[in-house]
């Protein structure tokens, strides 16, 4: 790789040039500009420009592009290979989690025949035929649109690496996808769950209470240790979560965002469940003859193992099917949504609710976790009736209008009074012709 001069021109008292990186005979980089200083003649300016390019340090991005082009020289990578290389690089630099990488790998396998085409030979028609095949195979609109995003992102990467010219995919047709918002428990479902809580024993009791009374995610519940629970100060600190992989039982990781690290107060309903859970684990440690330590996970085993989020969800789904809560099809995340919705509808500041949930942006909390349920709409009618009612005994501006209107309705139609003859004045009409004649 080297740099070549594209243009050279005088600008005021100095010379300015444009240059670009040359990767090989067919691939060149974008133009860049530099001011090389004053020169008495063009020949002197050309000499300064050549000296500038000779001493110019190589841009790391240009070197990376050159290496990518050299690696693919003689063989163009396919769509699947380029996508896999990109997500492997994102995992290596820490841009995505292991669980996210596993999900992206599943999408690579879903590329099918399109993933076997070299990136420089893909056409918009190939992409449209691939999207149509996903629809015919019965994939949901969310999956189809996500795969369209995957293909578009991969081809943009190919263009960025100088492997092909940009491909316009704006006219690709995919099924309309409206992401359904999560639904909170109704008042009846919530009351049924609260009534059934005393019947739960074991880790499921703490799982349900941590989601319903603190709004924790399932991964955060499974990663919570007793070292982060202060029963005396009634505080719980969230510092980690459990990620899941198809080939393993999960791994310990950080929260989804910096806002996910948070300290939350313990509500009365949660306090009851945590005290019961700690007593259960302490009793099990005594029976097993092992010491109880704060490194034990709250919903894990006494041997120090954590519970996998997938198993925690299975426990809860079995529970709701047994008690018929939510129609027997209620996921654990709905408790988190119920927690957020109840706080918002009770008048809690959205910023405070987002702090509970570990969200960076309060508008995300309002958009995702607060939806208009029929119960909330019916309850808001009382507010409408209250704010839109005229205060009793009102005698301000406009209060006399109803009485005047009723009085006019009782009277018959009155004839218009004739104009006063004395008030009428003689009006002399002057034409434009007379004005013109002076």
Protein backbone atom coordinates (compact mmCIF):
# COMPACT_ATOMS: atom_id res chain seq x y z
CA UNK A 1 0.00 0.00 0.00
CA UNK A 2 1.15 3.55 -0.75
CA UNK A 3 -0.26 7.07 -1.09
CA UNK A 4 -0.59 8.98 -4.36
CA UNK A 5 -1.23 12.65 -5.07
CA UNK A 6 -4.52 13.47 -6.80
CA UNK A 7 -4.43 17.26 -7.12
CA UNK A 8 -2.25 20.23 -6.20
CA UNK A 9 -3.39 23.87 -6.18
CA UNK A 10 -2.40 27.21 -4.69
CA UNK A 11 -4.73 28.52 -1.98
CA UNK A 12 -3.81 32.03 -0.94
CA UNK A 13 -0.20 32.08 0.17
CA UNK A 14 0.17 28.29 0.51
CA UNK A 15 -0.28 25.13 -1.54
CA UNK A 16 -2.97 22.52 -0.85
CA UNK A 17 -3.11 18.99 -2.22
CA UNK A 18 -5.44 15.99 -2.17
CA UNK A 19 -4.21 12.41 -1.93
CA UNK A 20 -5.50 8.86 -1.43
CA UNK A 21 -4.34 5.41 -0.45
CA UNK A 22 -3.64 2.88 -3.20
CA UNK A 23 -4.24 -0.69 -2.03
CA UNK A 24 -3.65 -2.38 -5.41
CA UNK A 25 -4.27 -1.74 -9.08
CA UNK A 26 -8.06 -1.91 -8.65
CA UNK A 27 -8.72 -0.64 -5.13
CA UNK A 28 -8.08 2.90 -3.95
CA UNK A 29 -9.13 4.81 -0.85
CA UNK A 30 -11.10 8.00 -0.36
CA UNK A 31 -9.57 11.38 -1.09
CA UNK A 32 -7.96 13.33 1.75
CA UNK A 33 -6.62 16.89 1.86
CA UNK A 34 -3.50 18.47 3.35
CA UNK A 35 -1.86 21.89 3.33
CA UNK A 36 1.86 21.57 2.53
CA UNK A 37 2.91 25.21 3.06
CA UNK A 38 4.31 28.03 0.92
CA UNK A 39 6.35 27.46 -2.23
CA UNK A 40 7.78 29.91 -4.76
CA UNK A 41 6.90 27.76 -7.78
CA UNK A 42 4.82 24.74 -8.73
CA UNK A 43 7.94 22.62 -9.09
CA UNK A 44 8.89 23.42 -5.52
CA UNK A 45 5.30 22.65 -4.40
CA UNK A 46 5.43 19.25 -6.15
CA UNK A 47 8.70 18.51 -4.36
CA UNK A 48 7.12 19.42 -0.99
CA UNK A 49 4.08 17.26 -1.80
CA UNK A 50 6.23 14.24 -2.64
CA UNK A 51 8.23 14.71 0.56
CA UNK A 52 4.97 15.02 2.55
CA UNK A 53 3.58 11.73 1.17
CA UNK A 54 6.92 9.94 1.71
CA UNK A 55 6.98 10.89 5.42
CA UNK A 56 3.22 10.46 5.94
CA UNK A 57 2.49 7.81 8.63
CA UNK A 58 0.21 5.04 7.47
CA UNK A 59 -3.35 5.35 8.64
CA UNK A 60 -4.32 2.21 10.68
CA UNK A 61 -7.66 2.10 8.89
CA UNK A 62 -5.94 2.13 5.50
CA UNK A 63 -3.64 -0.68 6.63
CA UNK A 64 -6.61 -2.73 7.79
CA UNK A 65 -8.35 -2.27 4.44
CA UNK A 66 -5.18 -3.23 2.59
CA UNK A 67 -4.83 -6.40 4.68
CA UNK A 68 -8.48 -7.30 4.01
CA UNK A 69 -8.03 -6.85 0.28
CA UNK A 70 -4.78 -8.83 0.28
CA UNK A 71 -6.40 -11.65 2.26
CA UNK A 72 -9.17 -11.96 -0.31
CA UNK A 73 -6.95 -11.58 -3.37
CA UNK A 74 -7.80 -14.29 -5.84
CA UNK A 75 -10.88 -15.40 -3.86
CA UNK A 76 -13.84 -13.23 -2.92
CA UNK A 77 -15.47 -14.08 0.45
CA UNK A 78 -19.07 -15.17 0.46
CA UNK A 79 -21.84 -13.33 2.29
CA UNK A 80 -21.79 -15.91 5.09
CA UNK A 81 -18.00 -15.83 5.45
CA UNK A 82 -17.87 -12.04 5.62
CA UNK A 83 -20.70 -11.93 8.16
CA UNK A 84 -19.02 -14.55 10.33
CA UNK A 85 -15.69 -12.69 10.15
CA UNK A 86 -17.39 -9.47 11.22
CA UNK A 87 -19.15 -10.91 14.27
CA UNK A 88 -16.02 -12.82 15.32
CA UNK A 89 -14.09 -9.54 15.22
CA UNK A 90 -16.83 -7.79 17.23
CA UNK A 91 -16.60 -10.51 19.90
CA UNK A 92 -12.79 -10.31 19.99
CA UNK A 93 -12.78 -6.55 20.66
CA UNK A 94 -15.58 -6.79 23.23
CA UNK A 95 -18.22 -4.99 21.15
CA UNK A 96 -20.79 -7.76 21.72
CA UNK A 97 -21.43 -10.38 24.41
CA UNK A 98 -20.97 -14.11 23.97
CA UNK A 99 -24.72 -14.66 23.99
CA UNK A 100 -25.18 -12.01 21.28
CA UNK A 101 -22.45 -13.67 19.21
CA UNK A 102 -24.24 -17.02 19.49
CA UNK A 103 -27.45 -15.43 18.22
CA UNK A 104 -25.65 -13.83 15.27
CA UNK A 105 -24.13 -17.21 14.40
CA UNK A 106 -27.63 -18.65 14.13
CA UNK A 107 -28.49 -15.88 11.69
CA UNK A 108 -25.44 -16.79 9.57
CA UNK A 109 -26.76 -20.35 9.28
CA UNK A 110 -30.15 -18.96 8.30
CA UNK A 111 -28.65 -17.16 5.29
CA UNK A 112 -28.92 -20.41 3.32
CA UNK A 113 -28.05 -20.23 -0.37
CA UNK A 114 -27.58 -16.45 -0.23
CA UNK A 115 -24.73 -16.97 2.23
CA UNK A 116 -22.83 -19.02 -0.39
CA UNK A 117 -22.76 -16.23 -3.00
CA UNK A 118 -19.56 -14.12 -3.23
CA UNK A 119 -20.25 -10.62 -1.93
CA UNK A 120 -19.28 -8.96 -5.24
CA UNK A 121 -21.90 -10.97 -7.17
CA UNK A 122 -24.95 -10.37 -4.98
CA UNK A 123 -27.72 -8.40 -6.67
CA UNK A 124 -30.83 -6.75 -5.30
CA UNK A 125 -32.89 -9.46 -7.01
CA UNK A 126 -30.95 -12.14 -5.08
CA UNK A 127 -31.82 -10.39 -1.81
CA UNK A 128 -35.50 -10.05 -2.74
CA UNK A 129 -35.73 -13.75 -3.69
CA UNK A 130 -34.12 -14.66 -0.35
CA UNK A 131 -36.61 -12.54 1.61
CA UNK A 132 -39.51 -14.07 -0.34
CA UNK A 133 -38.23 -17.57 0.46
CA UNK A 134 -38.20 -16.78 4.18
CA UNK A 135 -41.82 -15.63 3.98
CA UNK A 136 -42.81 -18.78 2.08
CA UNK A 137 -41.07 -20.96 4.68
CA UNK A 138 -43.29 -19.45 7.38
CA UNK A 139 -40.80 -17.27 9.27
CA UNK A 140 -42.39 -14.50 11.33
CA UNK A 141 -42.10 -10.86 10.12
CA UNK A 142 -39.66 -10.04 12.94
CA UNK A 143 -37.22 -12.74 11.77
CA UNK A 144 -37.58 -11.77 8.11
CA UNK A 145 -36.86 -8.10 8.81
CA UNK A 146 -33.93 -8.99 11.04
CA UNK A 147 -32.40 -11.13 8.29
CA UNK A 148 -32.88 -8.28 5.82
CA UNK A 149 -30.96 -6.04 8.21
CA UNK A 150 -28.24 -8.72 8.46
CA UNK A 151 -27.84 -8.89 4.67
CA UNK A 152 -27.85 -5.11 4.32
CA UNK A 153 -25.27 -4.68 7.08
CA UNK A 154 -23.01 -7.35 5.52
CA UNK A 155 -23.11 -5.77 2.07
CA UNK A 156 -22.38 -2.34 3.55
CA UNK A 157 -19.34 -3.90 5.23
CA UNK A 158 -18.26 -5.34 1.88
CA UNK A 159 -18.51 -1.88 0.32
CA UNK A 160 -16.57 -0.39 3.24
CA UNK A 161 -13.78 -2.92 2.69
CA UNK A 162 -13.65 -2.08 -1.01
CA UNK A 163 -14.87 -5.55 -1.99
CA UNK A 164 -17.80 -4.30 -4.07
CA UNK A 165 -19.61 -1.06 -5.00
CA UNK A 166 -22.57 -0.01 -2.82
CA UNK A 167 -25.82 -1.90 -3.46
CA UNK A 168 -29.12 -0.02 -3.17
CA UNK A 169 -31.58 -2.20 -1.21
CA UNK A 170 -34.14 0.50 -0.41
CA UNK A 171 -36.76 -1.07 -2.69
CA UNK A 172 -36.54 -4.53 -1.14
CA UNK A 173 -40.02 -5.50 0.06
CA UNK A 174 -40.39 -7.27 3.41
CA UNK A 175 -43.51 -7.94 5.50
CA UNK A 176 -44.54 -5.10 7.76
CA UNK A 177 -43.31 -5.65 11.29
CA UNK A 178 -44.86 -3.93 14.28
CA UNK A 179 -42.99 -5.00 17.38
CA UNK A 180 -45.60 -5.94 20.01
CA UNK A 181 -45.15 -4.22 23.32
CA UNK A 182 -44.93 -6.44 26.41
CA UNK A 183 -48.18 -6.69 28.33
CA UNK A 184 -48.51 -6.17 32.06
CA UNK A 185 -50.62 -8.36 34.31
CA UNK A 186 -54.18 -7.20 34.75
CA UNK A 187 -55.44 -6.30 38.20
CA UNK A 188 -57.10 -9.73 38.53
CA UNK A 189 -53.95 -11.57 37.39
CA UNK A 190 -51.74 -9.54 39.71
CA UNK A 191 -54.02 -10.20 42.69
CA UNK A 192 -54.11 -13.92 41.87
CA UNK A 193 -50.31 -14.00 41.81
CA UNK A 194 -50.01 -12.13 45.11
CA UNK A 195 -52.54 -14.50 46.69
CA UNK A 196 -50.54 -17.52 45.50
CA UNK A 197 -47.15 -16.24 46.73
CA UNK A 198 -47.45 -17.78 50.24
CA UNK A 199 -47.83 -21.19 48.57
CA UNK A 200 -44.42 -20.98 46.85
CA UNK A 201 -41.31 -22.47 48.42
CA UNK A 202 -37.72 -22.80 47.31
CA UNK A 203 -35.94 -20.50 44.86
CA UNK A 204 -39.10 -19.74 42.87
CA UNK A 205 -40.43 -17.60 45.72
CA UNK A 206 -37.38 -15.31 45.57
CA UNK A 207 -37.43 -15.32 41.75
CA UNK A 208 -41.02 -14.09 41.59
CA UNK A 209 -40.56 -11.47 44.32
CA UNK A 210 -37.35 -10.06 42.83
CA UNK A 211 -39.11 -9.59 39.48
CA UNK A 212 -42.43 -8.33 40.86
CA UNK A 213 -41.21 -6.13 43.74
CA UNK A 214 -37.91 -4.85 42.22
CA UNK A 215 -38.32 -5.22 38.44
CA UNK A 216 -35.14 -7.25 37.95
CA UNK A 217 -34.33 -9.04 34.72
CA UNK A 218 -34.13 -12.83 34.84
CA UNK A 219 -30.36 -12.79 34.25
CA UNK A 220 -29.90 -10.27 37.07
CA UNK A 221 -31.95 -12.42 39.44
CA UNK A 222 -29.85 -15.50 38.74
CA UNK A 223 -26.57 -13.54 39.22
CA UNK A 224 -27.54 -11.95 42.56
CA UNK A 225 -25.33 -13.05 45.49
CA UNK A 226 -25.98 -12.58 49.17
CA UNK A 227 -22.91 -10.31 49.26
CA UNK A 228 -24.98 -7.77 47.33
CA UNK A 229 -28.02 -8.05 49.63
CA UNK A 230 -28.05 -5.96 52.83
CA UNK A 231 -31.09 -7.04 54.83
CA UNK A 232 -30.25 -4.66 57.69
CA UNK A 233 -30.18 -1.57 55.49
CA UNK A 234 -32.86 -3.05 53.20
CA UNK A 235 -30.80 -2.53 50.04
CA UNK A 236 -29.88 -4.78 47.12
CA UNK A 237 -27.10 -3.96 44.64
CA UNK A 238 -27.19 -5.19 41.03
CA UNK A 239 -23.71 -5.60 39.53
CA UNK A 240 -23.86 -8.59 37.16
CA UNK A 241 -26.08 -10.90 35.13
CA UNK A 242 -26.04 -14.43 33.74
CA UNK A 243 -25.69 -14.83 30.00
CA UNK A 244 -26.88 -17.95 28.20
CA UNK A 245 -25.29 -19.95 25.39
CA UNK A 246 -26.76 -22.89 23.46
CA UNK A 247 -23.69 -25.04 24.15
CA UNK A 248 -23.30 -24.31 27.87
CA UNK A 249 -25.21 -23.59 31.06
CA UNK A 250 -24.44 -19.88 30.98
CA UNK A 251 -21.72 -17.51 32.11
CA UNK A 252 -21.34 -14.57 34.47
CA UNK A 253 -21.18 -11.18 32.74
CA UNK A 254 -21.71 -7.51 33.40
CA UNK A 255 -25.05 -5.70 33.13
CA UNK A 256 -26.53 -4.67 29.78
CA UNK A 257 -25.40 -1.04 30.23
CA UNK A 258 -23.63 1.14 32.82
CA UNK A 259 -27.06 2.15 34.10
CA UNK A 260 -27.67 -1.53 34.92
CA UNK A 261 -25.33 -1.22 37.92
CA UNK A 262 -27.69 0.14 40.55
CA UNK A 263 -28.65 -0.02 44.24
CA UNK A 264 -32.34 -0.58 44.98
CA UNK A 265 -34.35 -0.43 48.20
CA UNK A 266 -36.05 -3.62 49.34
CA UNK A 267 -39.85 -3.48 49.48
CA UNK A 268 -41.79 -5.25 52.23
CA UNK A 269 -42.96 -8.05 49.96
CA UNK A 270 -39.41 -8.67 48.75
CA UNK A 271 -37.99 -8.49 52.28
CA UNK A 272 -40.26 -11.30 53.38
CA UNK A 273 -39.14 -13.55 50.53
CA UNK A 274 -35.41 -12.81 50.95
CA UNK A 275 -35.47 -13.54 54.68
CA UNK A 276 -37.26 -16.83 54.05
CA UNK A 277 -34.83 -17.77 51.25
CA UNK A 278 -31.76 -17.00 53.37
CA UNK A 279 -33.13 -19.09 56.25
CA UNK A 280 -33.72 -21.98 53.83
CA UNK A 281 -30.17 -21.88 52.48
CA UNK A 282 -28.62 -21.52 55.94
CA UNK A 283 -30.60 -24.58 57.10
CA UNK A 284 -29.45 -26.58 54.07
CA UNK A 285 -25.82 -25.61 54.75
CA UNK A 286 -26.14 -26.81 58.36
CA UNK A 287 -27.65 -30.11 57.25
CA UNK A 288 -24.86 -30.58 54.69
CA UNK A 289 -22.17 -29.58 57.19
CA UNK A 290 -20.82 -26.74 55.06
CA UNK A 291 -20.49 -23.08 56.04
CA UNK A 292 -22.90 -20.51 54.65
CA UNK A 293 -21.07 -17.73 52.80
CA UNK A 294 -22.16 -14.52 51.11
CA UNK A 295 -20.75 -15.79 47.80
CA UNK A 296 -23.73 -18.13 47.44
CA UNK A 297 -26.24 -17.04 44.82
CA UNK A 298 -29.65 -16.07 46.19
CA UNK A 299 -31.54 -18.41 43.85
CA UNK A 300 -28.60 -20.78 43.32
CA UNK A 301 -27.45 -23.91 45.12
CA UNK A 302 -25.40 -24.06 48.31
CA UNK A 303 -22.43 -25.46 46.36
CA UNK A 304 -21.95 -22.04 44.78
CA UNK A 305 -23.57 -22.81 41.41
CA UNK A 306 -25.93 -20.28 39.86
CA UNK A 307 -29.30 -21.01 38.29
CA UNK A 308 -29.52 -20.71 34.50
CA UNK A 309 -32.12 -18.11 33.40
CA UNK A 310 -33.73 -20.66 31.09
CA UNK A 311 -34.47 -22.93 34.07
CA UNK A 312 -35.81 -20.00 36.13
CA UNK A 313 -38.28 -19.23 33.33
CA UNK A 314 -39.33 -22.89 33.18
CA UNK A 315 -40.04 -22.90 36.91
CA UNK A 316 -42.22 -19.82 36.61
CA UNK A 317 -44.10 -21.10 33.57
CA UNK A 318 -44.89 -24.34 35.38
CA UNK A 319 -46.17 -22.30 38.32
CA UNK A 320 -48.49 -20.09 36.23
CA UNK A 321 -49.88 -23.11 34.38
CA UNK A 322 -50.64 -24.77 37.73
CA UNK A 323 -52.45 -21.72 39.14
CA UNK A 324 -53.90 -20.51 35.82
CA UNK A 325 -52.31 -17.06 36.07
CA UNK A 326 -52.23 -15.09 32.84
CA UNK A 327 -54.05 -17.84 31.04
CA UNK A 328 -51.19 -20.19 31.88
CA UNK A 329 -48.98 -18.43 29.30
CA UNK A 330 -47.22 -15.81 31.38
CA UNK A 331 -43.45 -15.31 31.12
CA UNK A 332 -41.24 -14.09 33.93
CA UNK A 333 -40.42 -10.84 32.10
CA UNK A 334 -44.07 -9.82 32.32
CA UNK A 335 -43.58 -9.31 36.05
CA UNK A 336 -40.89 -6.73 35.31
CA UNK A 337 -43.27 -5.01 32.89
CA UNK A 338 -46.01 -5.09 35.50
CA UNK A 339 -43.68 -3.52 38.06
CA UNK A 340 -42.81 -0.62 35.72
CA UNK A 341 -46.40 -0.07 34.58
CA UNK A 342 -47.78 0.02 38.14
CA UNK A 343 -45.17 2.59 39.20
CA UNK A 344 -45.84 4.85 36.22
CA UNK A 345 -49.62 4.65 36.62
CA UNK A 346 -49.24 5.46 40.32
CA UNK A 347 -47.55 8.76 39.49
CA UNK A 348 -43.89 7.80 40.07
CA UNK A 349 -41.47 9.96 38.09
CA UNK A 350 -40.36 8.19 34.86
CA UNK A 351 -36.72 8.97 35.66
CA UNK A 352 -37.10 7.13 38.97
CA UNK A 353 -38.72 4.16 37.25
CA UNK A 354 -35.89 4.00 34.71
CA UNK A 355 -33.42 3.94 37.62
CA UNK A 356 -35.30 0.98 39.10
CA UNK A 357 -35.16 -0.86 35.78
CA UNK A 358 -31.57 0.05 34.88
CA UNK A 359 -32.44 2.07 31.77
CA UNK A 360 -30.24 4.93 30.57
CA UNK A 361 -33.05 6.83 28.83
CA UNK A 362 -36.39 7.41 30.64
CA UNK A 363 -38.15 7.76 27.27
CA UNK A 364 -37.28 4.12 26.57
CA UNK A 365 -39.05 3.18 29.81
CA UNK A 366 -42.19 5.05 28.75
CA UNK A 367 -42.11 3.66 25.21
CA UNK A 368 -41.46 -0.01 25.98
CA UNK A 369 -42.75 -0.73 29.46
CA UNK A 370 -45.80 1.49 29.70
CA UNK A 371 -48.66 0.65 27.36
CA UNK A 372 -52.30 1.70 27.36
CA UNK A 373 -54.33 -1.18 28.77
CA UNK A 374 -58.15 -1.18 28.71
CA UNK A 375 -58.19 -0.93 32.51
CA UNK A 376 -56.00 2.18 32.44
CA UNK A 377 -58.15 3.80 29.74
CA UNK A 378 -61.33 3.19 31.74
CA UNK A 379 -59.69 4.52 34.89
CA UNK A 380 -58.61 7.68 33.06
CA UNK A 381 -62.25 8.55 32.30
CA UNK A 382 -62.68 9.71 35.91
CA UNK A 383 -59.79 12.11 35.40
CA UNK A 384 -61.37 13.42 32.19
CA UNK A 385 -64.70 13.94 33.97
CA UNK A 386 -62.98 15.78 36.80
CA UNK A 387 -60.78 18.14 34.83
CA UNK A 388 -63.41 18.90 32.17
CA UNK A 389 -66.31 19.69 34.60
CA UNK A 390 -67.40 23.28 35.30
CA UNK A 391 -66.81 24.16 38.98
CA UNK A 392 -69.96 24.27 41.05
CA UNK A 393 -71.26 27.83 41.56
CA UNK A 394 -69.09 29.29 38.80
CA UNK A 395 -69.99 32.96 38.10
CA UNK A 396 -67.04 34.09 36.02
CA UNK A 397 -66.91 35.16 32.36
CA UNK A 398 -69.44 33.30 30.25
CA UNK A 399 -71.60 32.27 33.20
CA UNK A 400 -74.46 34.51 31.99
CA UNK A 401 -74.61 33.00 28.50
CA UNK A 402 -76.88 30.01 29.31
CA UNK A 403 -79.49 32.32 30.91
CA UNK A 404 -79.39 34.73 27.95
CA UNK A 405 -79.78 31.88 25.49
CA UNK A 406 -82.72 30.42 27.38
CA UNK A 407 -84.36 33.86 27.48
CA UNK A 408 -84.01 34.36 23.73
CA UNK A 409 -85.49 30.95 23.06
CA UNK A 410 -88.68 31.90 24.98
CA UNK A 411 -89.17 35.17 22.99
CA UNK A 412 -90.58 35.17 19.47
CA UNK A 413 -88.63 36.47 16.51
CA UNK A 414 -88.48 40.26 16.58
CA UNK A 415 -88.67 42.49 13.52
CA UNK A 416 -85.62 44.51 12.69
CA UNK A 417 -86.09 48.20 13.63
CA UNK A 418 -86.28 50.69 10.76
CA UNK A 419 -83.30 52.98 10.39
CA UNK A 420 -83.60 56.43 12.00
CA UNK A 421 -84.39 58.99 9.29
CA UNK A 422 -82.60 61.76 11.15
CA UNK A 423 -79.51 59.68 11.44
CA UNK A 424 -79.37 59.17 7.71
CA UNK A 425 -77.10 61.63 5.92
CA UNK A 426 -76.94 62.63 2.26
CA UNK A 427 -74.13 60.92 0.49
CA UNK A 428 -72.73 62.58 -2.65
CA UNK A 429 -71.51 60.00 -5.14
CA UNK A 430 -68.41 61.06 -7.06
CA UNK A 431 -67.42 59.10 -10.14
CA UNK A 432 -63.88 58.40 -11.38
CA UNK A 433 -64.67 60.36 -14.55
CA UNK A 434 -65.46 63.52 -12.62
CA UNK A 435 -62.24 63.20 -10.65
CA UNK A 436 -60.32 62.75 -13.85
CA UNK A 437 -61.87 65.88 -15.37
CA UNK A 438 -60.90 67.99 -12.36
